[in-house]
Protein backbone atom coordinates (compact mmCIF):
# COMPACT_ATOMS: atom_id res chain seq x y z
CA MET A 1 -14.24 32.27 5.20
CA ARG A 2 -13.13 29.02 3.63
CA LYS A 3 -14.26 25.87 3.34
CA LYS A 4 -13.23 23.20 5.30
CA LEU A 5 -11.46 20.49 3.03
CA HIS A 6 -12.01 16.24 3.44
CA ILE A 7 -8.00 15.85 3.80
CA LYS A 8 -5.37 17.64 6.40
CA LYS A 9 -1.90 17.52 6.63
CA GLY A 10 -0.58 14.08 8.09
CA ASP A 11 -3.86 12.13 6.79
CA ASN A 12 -2.72 8.52 4.88
CA VAL A 13 -4.56 8.75 1.82
CA MET A 14 -5.25 6.55 -1.17
CA VAL A 15 -5.27 7.84 -4.83
CA ILE A 16 -8.35 7.12 -6.46
CA SER A 17 -8.06 8.39 -10.41
CA GLY A 18 -5.22 9.46 -12.59
CA ASP A 19 -1.65 7.52 -13.32
CA SER A 20 -0.86 7.23 -9.59
CA LYS A 21 -4.51 5.40 -8.76
CA GLY A 22 -4.25 2.65 -6.02
CA GLN A 23 -0.82 4.23 -4.49
CA GLN A 24 -0.94 5.02 -0.82
CA GLY A 25 0.93 7.80 0.95
CA LYS A 26 0.90 10.23 3.34
CA VAL A 27 0.00 13.77 3.28
CA LEU A 28 2.80 16.31 3.41
CA PHE A 29 1.85 19.93 2.36
CA VAL A 30 -1.99 21.01 1.66
CA GLN A 31 -2.28 24.08 -1.00
CA ARG A 32 -5.73 25.29 0.06
CA ASP A 33 -6.49 28.24 -2.42
CA ASP A 34 -5.50 25.57 -5.53
CA LEU A 35 -6.92 22.51 -3.49
CA ARG A 36 -4.22 20.61 -4.24
CA VAL A 37 -1.93 18.25 -2.06
CA ILE A 38 1.40 17.09 -2.16
CA VAL A 39 1.80 13.12 -1.18
CA GLU A 40 4.63 11.34 -0.10
CA GLY A 41 5.97 9.24 -2.74
CA ILE A 42 3.10 10.03 -5.42
CA ASN A 43 2.87 11.88 -8.65
CA LEU A 44 6.92 12.07 -9.15
CA ILE A 45 8.31 14.19 -11.43
CA SER A 46 12.46 14.41 -12.46
CA LYS A 47 13.75 18.02 -12.03
CA HIS A 48 16.69 19.26 -13.61
CA THR A 49 18.79 21.00 -11.12
CA LYS A 50 21.75 23.56 -11.52
CA PRO A 51 24.86 22.40 -8.84
CA ASN A 52 24.11 24.18 -5.57
CA ALA A 53 24.92 23.50 -2.17
CA GLU A 54 23.01 20.99 -1.22
CA ASN A 55 23.93 18.95 -4.85
CA PRO A 56 27.09 20.06 -5.77
CA GLN A 57 26.94 17.63 -8.48
CA GLY A 58 23.17 19.22 -9.80
CA GLY A 59 21.72 16.46 -12.16
CA ILE A 60 18.08 15.00 -12.22
CA VAL A 61 16.13 15.18 -8.87
CA LYS A 62 13.04 13.14 -8.19
CA LYS A 63 9.96 15.16 -6.48
CA GLU A 64 6.61 15.25 -5.16
CA ALA A 65 4.03 17.39 -7.49
CA PRO A 66 0.93 18.39 -6.11
CA ILE A 67 -2.32 16.49 -6.84
CA ASN A 68 -5.52 17.30 -6.92
CA ILE A 69 -7.71 16.85 -3.84
CA SER A 70 -10.38 15.21 -5.31
CA ASN A 71 -8.20 12.46 -6.60
CA LEU A 72 -7.43 11.37 -2.97
CA MET A 73 -9.45 9.59 -0.32
CA VAL A 74 -8.90 9.33 3.32
CA ILE A 75 -7.86 5.96 4.77
CA ASP A 76 -9.54 5.01 8.14
CA ALA A 77 -7.86 3.23 10.64
CA ALA A 78 -9.23 -0.13 9.54
CA GLY A 79 -6.64 0.65 6.06
CA ASN A 80 -10.00 1.19 3.91
CA PRO A 81 -10.64 4.29 1.47
CA THR A 82 -13.47 6.13 2.89
CA ARG A 83 -15.38 9.07 2.63
CA VAL A 84 -15.22 11.91 5.19
CA GLY A 85 -17.85 13.12 7.17
CA ARG A 86 -18.01 16.17 10.24
CA GLU A 87 -20.09 15.82 13.43
CA ILE A 88 -20.22 17.93 16.82
CA ASP A 89 -18.47 16.55 19.68
CA GLU A 90 -20.86 16.71 22.61
CA LYS A 91 -17.57 16.54 24.80
CA ASN A 92 -16.05 19.41 23.68
CA ASN A 93 -18.58 20.99 21.33
CA LYS A 94 -15.98 21.14 18.55
CA SER A 95 -16.43 19.56 14.96
CA VAL A 96 -14.89 16.06 14.17
CA ARG A 97 -14.51 14.32 11.10
CA TYR A 98 -15.68 10.28 11.23
CA SER A 99 -15.19 7.55 8.73
CA LYS A 100 -18.66 6.68 6.53
CA LYS A 101 -17.33 3.40 5.92
CA SER A 102 -17.11 2.55 9.55
CA GLY A 103 -18.23 5.13 11.65
CA GLU A 104 -15.10 5.59 13.50
CA VAL A 105 -13.53 9.27 14.71
CA ILE A 106 -10.47 10.50 12.60
CA LYS A 107 -7.68 11.97 14.48
């Protein structure tokens, strides 16, 4: 059984350490096995590409590289970075994520 992560695809996150510290973005992809995440517009690298059908000229393309999940914090509804807790919802008996700073449920 895999450990549940505090970040999911579609979450808004803030980088808390590294070269991109303080930047915010939306999670595009989560690599569960490597504990790495691709975030929109963060940790950009320059990739040299050959000419192909998508890019007939070829050249240098900027693209997002994975960033370690420990360097990210979820942003709650109020726009503040927060730690994530888990609790059981009484209505449907499922685990839900909540903001430890504000106490609100994170969708």
